[in-house]
Amino acid sequence: MGASSLIFITGGVRSGKSSFAERKAVEIASITGGQLNYLATGVPSDPEMKERIEKHQHDREAGSNRWKTVEQSVQIEELANDFSAEDIILLDCVTTLLNNELFSSEQKWDECFLETVKENIITGITSIKKRTGTMIVVSNEVLNEPLLGNEMVFTYGRLLGQIHQYLVKEADQVFLVEAGIPIVMKGVTR
C-alpha cells in the first residue's frame, strides 16, 4: 500500500471551501480511480443547518460522480476500518466535529476532558488517513478575530487552533479559500 496523503482546506464561513474540497476530491478520483466518500459531521440542529445539509447532499447527488456519504457527528475514529487505500475521504468539517464532541455529553470542560476531545479528533483523522489513499479535511477559519469576553468561546478557539496547527503540520497540501479562490498555503499543486 502506498503512502496516503492529507489535504487540509480552511476558510471563512461560506467562502467556497466545501465546493473546492469536493472538486479536489473528484480530481483525485479521476486520476486514481478511487471511491469518493463524504464524511459529514453536521447535525440538523436548526432550520438553517438542516437546509445547509440538504443543499450539500443535493449537490453531491446531482453531480455525475458517485459519492458514498457517511454521517458521523462524533467519534470518527470508529469508522477507520470501514475505509481502504482506494478511498478518497472528504471530512466536512472539523469545526462542527469539535462542537459536537464538546457538547455531546454533560462533561465538565476541565483540562482533562478538553485534551481528550482534541486527541480523539486528531486520532480519528489520523486513523482514517492511514487507511485511505487521500483524506481531505475541511475546517472553518474562525480565529481571525480576538476571542474576548467568553471563556467557552476562548476555549473552543484555543482547541480549534491546536487542531489546525497539527493538521497543517501533517498535511501534504494546505489551502485557504477566500471568496471562492483557493490560495496554496503549503505543498505543490498539479
N, C-alpha and C. Protein backbone atom coordinates (compact mmCIF):
# COMPACT_ATOMS: atom_id res chain seq x y z
N MET A 1 0.84 -1.17 0.00
CA MET A 1 0.00 0.00 0.00
C MET A 1 0.89 1.24 0.00
N GLY A 2 0.60 2.20 -0.89
CA GLY A 2 1.37 3.42 -0.98
C GLY A 2 1.03 4.37 0.15
N ALA A 3 1.81 5.42 0.24
CA ALA A 3 1.58 6.40 1.29
C ALA A 3 0.30 7.18 1.01
N SER A 4 -0.47 7.40 2.05
CA SER A 4 -1.68 8.20 1.90
C SER A 4 -1.33 9.67 2.03
N SER A 5 -2.22 10.52 1.53
CA SER A 5 -1.95 11.95 1.62
C SER A 5 -3.07 12.65 2.38
N LEU A 6 -2.71 13.78 2.97
CA LEU A 6 -3.65 14.59 3.73
C LEU A 6 -3.67 15.98 3.11
N ILE A 7 -4.87 16.45 2.80
CA ILE A 7 -5.07 17.80 2.28
C ILE A 7 -5.97 18.53 3.28
N PHE A 8 -5.52 19.69 3.74
CA PHE A 8 -6.29 20.49 4.70
C PHE A 8 -6.76 21.74 4.00
N ILE A 9 -8.07 22.01 4.10
CA ILE A 9 -8.68 23.17 3.44
C ILE A 9 -9.43 23.96 4.50
N THR A 10 -9.11 25.22 4.62
CA THR A 10 -9.77 26.09 5.59
C THR A 10 -10.19 27.38 4.91
N GLY A 11 -11.03 28.11 5.57
CA GLY A 11 -11.52 29.38 5.04
C GLY A 11 -12.67 29.87 5.90
N GLY A 12 -13.12 31.05 5.61
CA GLY A 12 -14.23 31.62 6.35
C GLY A 12 -15.54 30.93 6.03
N VAL A 13 -16.55 31.24 6.82
CA VAL A 13 -17.89 30.70 6.59
C VAL A 13 -18.37 31.15 5.22
N ARG A 14 -18.90 30.22 4.45
CA ARG A 14 -19.44 30.46 3.11
C ARG A 14 -18.38 30.97 2.12
N SER A 15 -17.14 30.57 2.33
CA SER A 15 -16.05 31.02 1.46
C SER A 15 -15.91 30.18 0.19
N GLY A 16 -16.60 29.04 0.13
CA GLY A 16 -16.47 28.15 -1.02
C GLY A 16 -15.54 26.98 -0.77
N LYS A 17 -15.13 26.79 0.49
CA LYS A 17 -14.15 25.74 0.79
C LYS A 17 -14.71 24.34 0.57
N SER A 18 -15.97 24.09 0.91
CA SER A 18 -16.55 22.76 0.71
C SER A 18 -16.65 22.43 -0.78
N SER A 19 -17.07 23.38 -1.57
CA SER A 19 -17.15 23.16 -3.03
C SER A 19 -15.77 22.89 -3.60
N PHE A 20 -14.78 23.65 -3.16
CA PHE A 20 -13.41 23.42 -3.62
C PHE A 20 -12.93 22.03 -3.19
N ALA A 21 -13.23 21.64 -1.95
CA ALA A 21 -12.82 20.32 -1.46
C ALA A 21 -13.46 19.21 -2.29
N GLU A 22 -14.72 19.37 -2.64
CA GLU A 22 -15.40 18.38 -3.47
C GLU A 22 -14.75 18.29 -4.85
N ARG A 23 -14.44 19.43 -5.44
CA ARG A 23 -13.77 19.43 -6.75
C ARG A 23 -12.40 18.76 -6.66
N LYS A 24 -11.68 19.04 -5.60
CA LYS A 24 -10.35 18.44 -5.39
C LYS A 24 -10.48 16.92 -5.27
N ALA A 25 -11.46 16.46 -4.51
CA ALA A 25 -11.67 15.01 -4.34
C ALA A 25 -12.01 14.36 -5.68
N VAL A 26 -12.87 14.99 -6.45
CA VAL A 26 -13.26 14.45 -7.77
C VAL A 26 -12.03 14.40 -8.69
N GLU A 27 -11.21 15.44 -8.64
CA GLU A 27 -9.99 15.48 -9.46
C GLU A 27 -9.07 14.30 -9.10
N ILE A 28 -8.90 14.05 -7.82
CA ILE A 28 -8.06 12.94 -7.37
C ILE A 28 -8.66 11.61 -7.79
N ALA A 29 -9.99 11.47 -7.65
CA ALA A 29 -10.67 10.23 -8.04
C ALA A 29 -10.52 9.97 -9.53
N SER A 30 -10.54 11.02 -10.33
CA SER A 30 -10.41 10.83 -11.79
C SER A 30 -9.01 10.35 -12.16
N ILE A 31 -8.03 10.69 -11.36
CA ILE A 31 -6.65 10.26 -11.61
C ILE A 31 -6.41 8.85 -11.06
N THR A 32 -6.93 8.59 -9.86
CA THR A 32 -6.62 7.33 -9.17
C THR A 32 -7.67 6.24 -9.37
N GLY A 33 -8.87 6.64 -9.78
CA GLY A 33 -9.96 5.67 -9.86
C GLY A 33 -10.55 5.34 -8.50
N GLY A 34 -10.21 6.12 -7.49
CA GLY A 34 -10.66 5.85 -6.13
C GLY A 34 -12.13 6.14 -5.91
N GLN A 35 -12.65 5.59 -4.82
CA GLN A 35 -14.05 5.78 -4.41
C GLN A 35 -14.17 7.07 -3.60
N LEU A 36 -15.12 7.93 -3.97
CA LEU A 36 -15.38 9.17 -3.25
C LEU A 36 -16.24 8.90 -2.02
N ASN A 37 -15.79 9.36 -0.87
CA ASN A 37 -16.52 9.20 0.39
C ASN A 37 -16.64 10.56 1.06
N TYR A 38 -17.85 10.90 1.44
CA TYR A 38 -18.10 12.16 2.12
C TYR A 38 -18.42 11.85 3.58
N LEU A 39 -17.55 12.24 4.48
CA LEU A 39 -17.73 12.04 5.91
C LEU A 39 -18.31 13.34 6.49
N ALA A 40 -19.62 13.32 6.70
CA ALA A 40 -20.35 14.51 7.13
C ALA A 40 -20.51 14.51 8.64
N THR A 41 -20.15 15.62 9.27
CA THR A 41 -20.23 15.72 10.73
C THR A 41 -21.41 16.58 11.18
N GLY A 42 -22.13 17.19 10.25
CA GLY A 42 -23.21 18.09 10.60
C GLY A 42 -24.41 17.38 11.19
N VAL A 43 -25.07 18.07 12.10
CA VAL A 43 -26.30 17.60 12.72
C VAL A 43 -27.37 18.66 12.43
N PRO A 44 -28.52 18.26 11.89
CA PRO A 44 -29.56 19.26 11.57
C PRO A 44 -30.24 19.80 12.83
N SER A 45 -29.52 20.64 13.56
CA SER A 45 -29.97 21.12 14.86
C SER A 45 -30.92 22.31 14.78
N ASP A 46 -30.96 22.97 13.63
CA ASP A 46 -31.88 24.09 13.44
C ASP A 46 -32.23 24.17 11.95
N PRO A 47 -33.22 24.97 11.57
CA PRO A 47 -33.63 25.02 10.16
C PRO A 47 -32.50 25.42 9.20
N GLU A 48 -31.64 26.35 9.60
CA GLU A 48 -30.54 26.77 8.72
C GLU A 48 -29.56 25.62 8.48
N MET A 49 -29.21 24.92 9.55
CA MET A 49 -28.27 23.79 9.41
C MET A 49 -28.92 22.68 8.59
N LYS A 50 -30.18 22.41 8.81
CA LYS A 50 -30.89 21.40 8.03
C LYS A 50 -30.85 21.75 6.54
N GLU A 51 -31.08 23.01 6.23
CA GLU A 51 -31.05 23.48 4.84
C GLU A 51 -29.65 23.34 4.23
N ARG A 52 -28.62 23.67 5.00
CA ARG A 52 -27.25 23.54 4.50
C ARG A 52 -26.89 22.08 4.23
N ILE A 53 -27.28 21.18 5.14
CA ILE A 53 -27.01 19.75 4.95
C ILE A 53 -27.72 19.25 3.71
N GLU A 54 -29.00 19.61 3.54
CA GLU A 54 -29.76 19.18 2.37
C GLU A 54 -29.15 19.72 1.08
N LYS A 55 -28.64 20.95 1.10
CA LYS A 55 -28.01 21.53 -0.10
C LYS A 55 -26.75 20.73 -0.47
N HIS A 56 -25.92 20.44 0.53
CA HIS A 56 -24.70 19.65 0.27
C HIS A 56 -25.06 18.27 -0.27
N GLN A 57 -26.08 17.63 0.31
CA GLN A 57 -26.50 16.30 -0.16
C GLN A 57 -26.99 16.38 -1.60
N HIS A 58 -27.81 17.39 -1.89
CA HIS A 58 -28.33 17.56 -3.25
C HIS A 58 -27.22 17.81 -4.25
N ASP A 59 -26.27 18.66 -3.89
CA ASP A 59 -25.15 18.97 -4.78
C ASP A 59 -24.37 17.71 -5.14
N ARG A 60 -24.12 16.84 -4.16
CA ARG A 60 -23.38 15.60 -4.42
C ARG A 60 -24.20 14.64 -5.27
N GLU A 61 -25.50 14.54 -4.97
CA GLU A 61 -26.36 13.62 -5.72
C GLU A 61 -26.58 14.08 -7.15
N ALA A 62 -26.59 15.40 -7.37
CA ALA A 62 -26.87 15.95 -8.70
C ALA A 62 -25.67 15.83 -9.64
N GLY A 63 -24.50 15.66 -9.09
CA GLY A 63 -23.29 15.58 -9.91
C GLY A 63 -23.16 14.23 -10.59
N SER A 64 -22.24 14.16 -11.50
CA SER A 64 -22.02 12.92 -12.25
C SER A 64 -21.13 11.93 -11.48
N ASN A 65 -20.59 12.36 -10.36
CA ASN A 65 -19.71 11.50 -9.57
C ASN A 65 -20.51 10.79 -8.48
N ARG A 66 -20.11 9.57 -8.19
CA ARG A 66 -20.78 8.76 -7.18
C ARG A 66 -20.09 8.91 -5.83
N TRP A 67 -20.76 9.56 -4.92
CA TRP A 67 -20.27 9.76 -3.56
C TRP A 67 -20.94 8.76 -2.63
N LYS A 68 -20.18 8.19 -1.73
CA LYS A 68 -20.74 7.42 -0.63
C LYS A 68 -20.71 8.36 0.57
N THR A 69 -21.88 8.65 1.14
CA THR A 69 -21.96 9.57 2.27
C THR A 69 -22.06 8.79 3.57
N VAL A 70 -21.20 9.15 4.51
CA VAL A 70 -21.21 8.57 5.85
C VAL A 70 -21.44 9.72 6.81
N GLU A 71 -22.48 9.62 7.61
CA GLU A 71 -22.77 10.67 8.58
C GLU A 71 -22.33 10.19 9.96
N GLN A 72 -21.39 10.94 10.54
CA GLN A 72 -20.85 10.59 11.86
C GLN A 72 -20.52 11.90 12.56
N SER A 73 -21.30 12.27 13.55
CA SER A 73 -21.14 13.58 14.19
C SER A 73 -20.12 13.59 15.32
N VAL A 74 -19.78 12.40 15.84
CA VAL A 74 -18.77 12.28 16.91
C VAL A 74 -18.01 10.98 16.70
N GLN A 75 -16.87 10.87 17.36
CA GLN A 75 -16.07 9.65 17.40
C GLN A 75 -15.82 9.06 16.00
N ILE A 76 -15.23 9.87 15.15
CA ILE A 76 -14.98 9.42 13.77
C ILE A 76 -13.97 8.28 13.70
N GLU A 77 -13.17 8.10 14.74
CA GLU A 77 -12.18 7.01 14.72
C GLU A 77 -12.85 5.65 14.58
N GLU A 78 -14.11 5.55 14.96
CA GLU A 78 -14.85 4.29 14.82
C GLU A 78 -14.99 3.85 13.37
N LEU A 79 -14.82 4.78 12.44
CA LEU A 79 -15.01 4.49 11.02
C LEU A 79 -13.74 4.04 10.30
N ALA A 80 -12.60 4.15 10.94
CA ALA A 80 -11.32 3.93 10.25
C ALA A 80 -11.28 2.60 9.50
N ASN A 81 -11.75 1.53 10.10
CA ASN A 81 -11.67 0.22 9.47
C ASN A 81 -12.66 0.05 8.31
N ASP A 82 -13.55 1.02 8.13
CA ASP A 82 -14.52 0.96 7.03
C ASP A 82 -13.93 1.42 5.70
N PHE A 83 -12.71 1.95 5.73
CA PHE A 83 -12.11 2.52 4.53
C PHE A 83 -10.88 1.73 4.11
N SER A 84 -10.51 1.91 2.83
CA SER A 84 -9.33 1.21 2.30
C SER A 84 -8.48 2.19 1.49
N ALA A 85 -7.37 1.68 0.98
CA ALA A 85 -6.40 2.51 0.26
C ALA A 85 -6.97 3.12 -1.01
N GLU A 86 -8.04 2.56 -1.54
CA GLU A 86 -8.65 3.11 -2.76
C GLU A 86 -9.58 4.28 -2.46
N ASP A 87 -9.88 4.50 -1.19
CA ASP A 87 -10.86 5.52 -0.82
C ASP A 87 -10.26 6.92 -0.74
N ILE A 88 -11.09 7.86 -1.17
CA ILE A 88 -10.80 9.29 -1.01
C ILE A 88 -11.86 9.80 -0.04
N ILE A 89 -11.41 10.31 1.10
CA ILE A 89 -12.32 10.75 2.15
C ILE A 89 -12.32 12.27 2.20
N LEU A 90 -13.51 12.85 2.20
CA LEU A 90 -13.67 14.28 2.42
C LEU A 90 -14.40 14.45 3.75
N LEU A 91 -13.71 14.94 4.76
CA LEU A 91 -14.29 15.19 6.08
C LEU A 91 -14.72 16.65 6.15
N ASP A 92 -16.01 16.87 6.33
CA ASP A 92 -16.56 18.23 6.39
C ASP A 92 -17.49 18.31 7.59
N CYS A 93 -17.14 18.99 8.65
CA CYS A 93 -15.94 19.76 8.86
C CYS A 93 -15.46 19.65 10.31
N VAL A 94 -14.21 20.04 10.53
CA VAL A 94 -13.58 19.94 11.85
C VAL A 94 -14.28 20.83 12.89
N THR A 95 -14.69 22.03 12.50
CA THR A 95 -15.33 22.92 13.48
C THR A 95 -16.62 22.32 14.00
N THR A 96 -17.40 21.70 13.13
CA THR A 96 -18.64 21.06 13.56
C THR A 96 -18.33 19.83 14.41
N LEU A 97 -17.33 19.05 13.99
CA LEU A 97 -16.93 17.88 14.77
C LEU A 97 -16.50 18.28 16.17
N LEU A 98 -15.69 19.32 16.29
CA LEU A 98 -15.26 19.80 17.61
C LEU A 98 -16.46 20.22 18.45
N ASN A 99 -17.35 20.97 17.86
CA ASN A 99 -18.56 21.40 18.56
C ASN A 99 -19.37 20.20 19.05
N ASN A 100 -19.55 19.22 18.16
CA ASN A 100 -20.32 18.03 18.53
C ASN A 100 -19.65 17.28 19.67
N GLU A 101 -18.34 17.11 19.60
CA GLU A 101 -17.62 16.38 20.66
C GLU A 101 -17.71 17.11 22.00
N LEU A 102 -17.61 18.43 21.97
CA LEU A 102 -17.66 19.20 23.21
C LEU A 102 -19.03 19.16 23.87
N PHE A 103 -20.08 19.16 23.04
CA PHE A 103 -21.43 19.28 23.59
C PHE A 103 -22.23 17.98 23.57
N SER A 104 -21.60 16.86 23.21
CA SER A 104 -22.33 15.59 23.14
C SER A 104 -22.54 14.96 24.51
N SER A 105 -21.92 15.51 25.51
CA SER A 105 -22.12 14.99 26.86
C SER A 105 -22.23 16.16 27.83
N GLU A 106 -22.60 15.86 29.01
CA GLU A 106 -22.71 16.89 30.06
C GLU A 106 -21.38 17.05 30.80
N GLN A 107 -20.32 16.57 30.21
CA GLN A 107 -18.99 16.58 30.83
C GLN A 107 -18.55 18.02 31.13
N LYS A 108 -17.94 18.20 32.28
CA LYS A 108 -17.36 19.49 32.65
C LYS A 108 -16.15 19.75 31.77
N TRP A 109 -16.00 20.97 31.31
CA TRP A 109 -14.90 21.33 30.42
C TRP A 109 -13.60 21.55 31.20
N ASP A 110 -13.13 20.54 31.88
CA ASP A 110 -11.85 20.67 32.55
C ASP A 110 -10.74 20.30 31.57
N GLU A 111 -9.50 20.53 31.95
CA GLU A 111 -8.37 20.32 31.02
C GLU A 111 -8.27 18.87 30.54
N CYS A 112 -8.59 17.92 31.40
CA CYS A 112 -8.53 16.51 31.02
C CYS A 112 -9.54 16.21 29.91
N PHE A 113 -10.77 16.69 30.07
CA PHE A 113 -11.81 16.49 29.06
C PHE A 113 -11.42 17.17 27.75
N LEU A 114 -10.96 18.40 27.82
CA LEU A 114 -10.61 19.16 26.62
C LEU A 114 -9.47 18.48 25.86
N GLU A 115 -8.47 18.01 26.58
CA GLU A 115 -7.35 17.31 25.96
C GLU A 115 -7.83 16.02 25.31
N THR A 116 -8.73 15.31 25.97
CA THR A 116 -9.29 14.07 25.42
C THR A 116 -10.05 14.34 24.12
N VAL A 117 -10.86 15.38 24.11
CA VAL A 117 -11.61 15.75 22.90
C VAL A 117 -10.65 16.05 21.75
N LYS A 118 -9.65 16.88 22.02
CA LYS A 118 -8.67 17.23 20.98
C LYS A 118 -7.96 15.98 20.46
N GLU A 119 -7.49 15.14 21.36
CA GLU A 119 -6.78 13.92 20.95
C GLU A 119 -7.68 12.96 20.20
N ASN A 120 -8.96 12.86 20.59
CA ASN A 120 -9.89 11.99 19.87
C ASN A 120 -10.09 12.45 18.43
N ILE A 121 -10.18 13.75 18.23
CA ILE A 121 -10.35 14.28 16.87
C ILE A 121 -9.09 14.02 16.05
N ILE A 122 -7.94 14.33 16.61
CA ILE A 122 -6.67 14.11 15.90
C ILE A 122 -6.47 12.62 15.61
N THR A 123 -6.73 11.77 16.60
CA THR A 123 -6.59 10.33 16.41
C THR A 123 -7.55 9.82 15.34
N GLY A 124 -8.78 10.32 15.36
CA GLY A 124 -9.76 9.91 14.36
C GLY A 124 -9.32 10.26 12.96
N ILE A 125 -8.87 11.49 12.76
CA ILE A 125 -8.41 11.92 11.45
C ILE A 125 -7.19 11.11 11.02
N THR A 126 -6.24 10.94 11.92
CA THR A 126 -5.01 10.20 11.63
C THR A 126 -5.32 8.74 11.30
N SER A 127 -6.20 8.12 12.06
CA SER A 127 -6.55 6.71 11.83
C SER A 127 -7.20 6.51 10.46
N ILE A 128 -8.10 7.39 10.11
CA ILE A 128 -8.76 7.28 8.80
C ILE A 128 -7.76 7.55 7.69
N LYS A 129 -6.94 8.57 7.87
CA LYS A 129 -5.95 8.93 6.85
C LYS A 129 -5.00 7.77 6.55
N LYS A 130 -4.57 7.07 7.58
CA LYS A 130 -3.63 5.96 7.39
C LYS A 130 -4.21 4.83 6.56
N ARG A 131 -5.53 4.67 6.57
CA ARG A 131 -6.18 3.58 5.85
C ARG A 131 -6.56 3.93 4.42
N THR A 132 -6.52 5.22 4.07
CA THR A 132 -7.06 5.66 2.79
C THR A 132 -5.98 6.15 1.84
N GLY A 133 -6.38 6.35 0.60
CA GLY A 133 -5.46 6.92 -0.38
C GLY A 133 -5.26 8.41 -0.14
N THR A 134 -6.36 9.12 0.03
CA THR A 134 -6.31 10.57 0.27
C THR A 134 -7.39 10.94 1.27
N MET A 135 -7.03 11.80 2.20
CA MET A 135 -8.00 12.36 3.12
C MET A 135 -7.96 13.87 2.99
N ILE A 136 -9.12 14.43 2.70
CA ILE A 136 -9.27 15.89 2.60
C ILE A 136 -10.09 16.33 3.81
N VAL A 137 -9.53 17.27 4.56
CA VAL A 137 -10.18 17.74 5.79
C VAL A 137 -10.51 19.22 5.61
N VAL A 138 -11.79 19.55 5.84
CA VAL A 138 -12.27 20.92 5.72
C VAL A 138 -12.53 21.47 7.12
N SER A 139 -12.19 22.76 7.31
CA SER A 139 -12.48 23.42 8.57
C SER A 139 -12.79 24.89 8.32
N ASN A 140 -13.30 25.54 9.34
CA ASN A 140 -13.59 26.98 9.25
C ASN A 140 -12.49 27.77 9.92
N GLU A 141 -12.18 28.88 9.35
CA GLU A 141 -11.19 29.78 9.94
C GLU A 141 -11.95 30.79 10.78
N VAL A 142 -12.07 30.48 12.06
CA VAL A 142 -12.82 31.34 12.98
C VAL A 142 -11.89 32.10 13.92
N LEU A 143 -10.60 32.00 13.68
CA LEU A 143 -9.63 32.54 14.63
C LEU A 143 -9.03 33.88 14.20
N ASN A 144 -9.64 34.53 13.23
CA ASN A 144 -9.09 35.81 12.76
C ASN A 144 -9.47 36.98 13.65
N GLU A 145 -10.49 36.82 14.45
CA GLU A 145 -10.92 37.88 15.35
C GLU A 145 -10.53 37.52 16.78
N PRO A 146 -10.30 38.52 17.63
CA PRO A 146 -9.99 38.22 19.03
C PRO A 146 -11.16 37.50 19.70
N LEU A 147 -10.84 36.52 20.53
CA LEU A 147 -11.87 35.75 21.23
C LEU A 147 -11.94 36.26 22.67
N LEU A 148 -12.58 37.38 22.84
CA LEU A 148 -12.62 38.03 24.15
C LEU A 148 -13.99 37.89 24.79
N GLY A 149 -14.01 37.92 26.11
CA GLY A 149 -15.26 38.08 26.83
C GLY A 149 -16.01 36.82 27.18
N ASN A 150 -15.72 35.69 26.57
CA ASN A 150 -16.45 34.47 26.86
C ASN A 150 -15.47 33.32 26.95
N GLU A 151 -15.35 32.74 28.12
CA GLU A 151 -14.38 31.66 28.36
C GLU A 151 -14.64 30.46 27.45
N MET A 152 -15.91 30.13 27.23
CA MET A 152 -16.25 28.99 26.39
C MET A 152 -15.79 29.22 24.94
N VAL A 153 -16.01 30.41 24.43
CA VAL A 153 -15.58 30.74 23.07
C VAL A 153 -14.06 30.72 22.98
N PHE A 154 -13.40 31.25 23.99
CA PHE A 154 -11.93 31.25 24.01
C PHE A 154 -11.40 29.82 24.02
N THR A 155 -11.99 28.97 24.86
CA THR A 155 -11.57 27.57 24.96
C THR A 155 -11.76 26.85 23.62
N TYR A 156 -12.92 27.04 23.00
CA TYR A 156 -13.20 26.45 21.69
C TYR A 156 -12.16 26.91 20.66
N GLY A 157 -11.89 28.21 20.63
CA GLY A 157 -10.91 28.76 19.69
C GLY A 157 -9.51 28.21 19.92
N ARG A 158 -9.14 28.05 21.18
CA ARG A 158 -7.82 27.50 21.51
C ARG A 158 -7.70 26.06 21.02
N LEU A 159 -8.71 25.25 21.28
CA LEU A 159 -8.69 23.85 20.83
C LEU A 159 -8.66 23.77 19.30
N LEU A 160 -9.51 24.55 18.65
CA LEU A 160 -9.55 24.54 17.19
C LEU A 160 -8.20 24.96 16.62
N GLY A 161 -7.58 25.97 17.21
CA GLY A 161 -6.26 26.41 16.75
C GLY A 161 -5.21 25.31 16.89
N GLN A 162 -5.26 24.58 17.99
CA GLN A 162 -4.31 23.48 18.18
C GLN A 162 -4.53 22.36 17.17
N ILE A 163 -5.80 22.05 16.89
CA ILE A 163 -6.11 21.02 15.89
C ILE A 163 -5.65 21.48 14.51
N HIS A 164 -5.92 22.75 14.17
CA HIS A 164 -5.48 23.29 12.88
C HIS A 164 -3.96 23.22 12.75
N GLN A 165 -3.24 23.58 13.80
CA GLN A 165 -1.78 23.54 13.73
C GLN A 165 -1.28 22.13 13.48
N TYR A 166 -1.87 21.16 14.13
CA TYR A 166 -1.50 19.77 13.91
C TYR A 166 -1.77 19.37 12.45
N LEU A 167 -2.96 19.69 11.96
CA LEU A 167 -3.33 19.32 10.59
C LEU A 167 -2.42 19.97 9.55
N VAL A 168 -2.09 21.23 9.75
CA VAL A 168 -1.19 21.92 8.82
C VAL A 168 0.19 21.27 8.83
N LYS A 169 0.68 20.92 10.02
CA LYS A 169 1.99 20.28 10.12
C LYS A 169 2.00 18.94 9.39
N GLU A 170 0.94 18.16 9.52
CA GLU A 170 0.88 16.82 8.94
C GLU A 170 0.47 16.80 7.47
N ALA A 171 -0.16 17.86 7.00
CA ALA A 171 -0.74 17.88 5.65
C ALA A 171 0.33 17.96 4.56
N ASP A 172 0.03 17.31 3.45
CA ASP A 172 0.86 17.42 2.26
C ASP A 172 0.54 18.71 1.50
N GLN A 173 -0.73 19.10 1.54
CA GLN A 173 -1.17 20.35 0.92
C GLN A 173 -2.13 21.06 1.88
N VAL A 174 -2.04 22.40 1.89
CA VAL A 174 -2.95 23.23 2.68
C VAL A 174 -3.43 24.36 1.80
N PHE A 175 -4.75 24.58 1.84
CA PHE A 175 -5.37 25.66 1.08
C PHE A 175 -6.19 26.53 2.01
N LEU A 176 -6.14 27.83 1.77
CA LEU A 176 -7.03 28.79 2.39
C LEU A 176 -7.94 29.28 1.28
N VAL A 177 -9.25 29.15 1.45
CA VAL A 177 -10.19 29.57 0.42
C VAL A 177 -10.80 30.91 0.85
N GLU A 178 -10.62 31.90 0.01
CA GLU A 178 -11.15 33.24 0.24
C GLU A 178 -12.03 33.62 -0.94
N ALA A 179 -13.30 33.92 -0.69
CA ALA A 179 -14.24 34.34 -1.73
C ALA A 179 -14.22 33.39 -2.93
N GLY A 180 -14.14 32.10 -2.64
CA GLY A 180 -14.16 31.09 -3.69
C GLY A 180 -12.83 30.83 -4.37
N ILE A 181 -11.79 31.53 -3.96
CA ILE A 181 -10.47 31.38 -4.58
C ILE A 181 -9.55 30.62 -3.63
N PRO A 182 -9.10 29.41 -4.05
CA PRO A 182 -8.17 28.67 -3.19
C PRO A 182 -6.75 29.23 -3.29
N ILE A 183 -6.17 29.49 -2.14
CA ILE A 183 -4.80 30.01 -2.06
C ILE A 183 -3.94 28.90 -1.46
N VAL A 184 -2.89 28.51 -2.17
CA VAL A 184 -1.99 27.46 -1.70
C VAL A 184 -1.17 28.01 -0.54
N MET A 185 -1.27 27.34 0.60
CA MET A 185 -0.50 27.74 1.77
C MET A 185 0.68 26.80 2.02
N LYS A 186 0.54 25.55 1.51
CA LYS A 186 1.59 24.56 1.70
C LYS A 186 1.45 23.51 0.61
N GLY A 187 2.58 23.05 0.09
CA GLY A 187 2.56 21.98 -0.89
C GLY A 187 2.50 22.49 -2.32
N VAL A 188 2.68 21.58 -3.21
CA VAL A 188 2.67 21.89 -4.64
C VAL A 188 1.41 21.30 -5.23
N THR A 189 0.74 22.06 -6.09
CA THR A 189 -0.44 21.55 -6.76
C THR A 189 -0.11 21.17 -8.18
N ARG A 190 -0.94 20.30 -8.72
CA ARG A 190 -0.76 19.87 -10.11
C ARG A 190 -1.38 20.86 -11.06
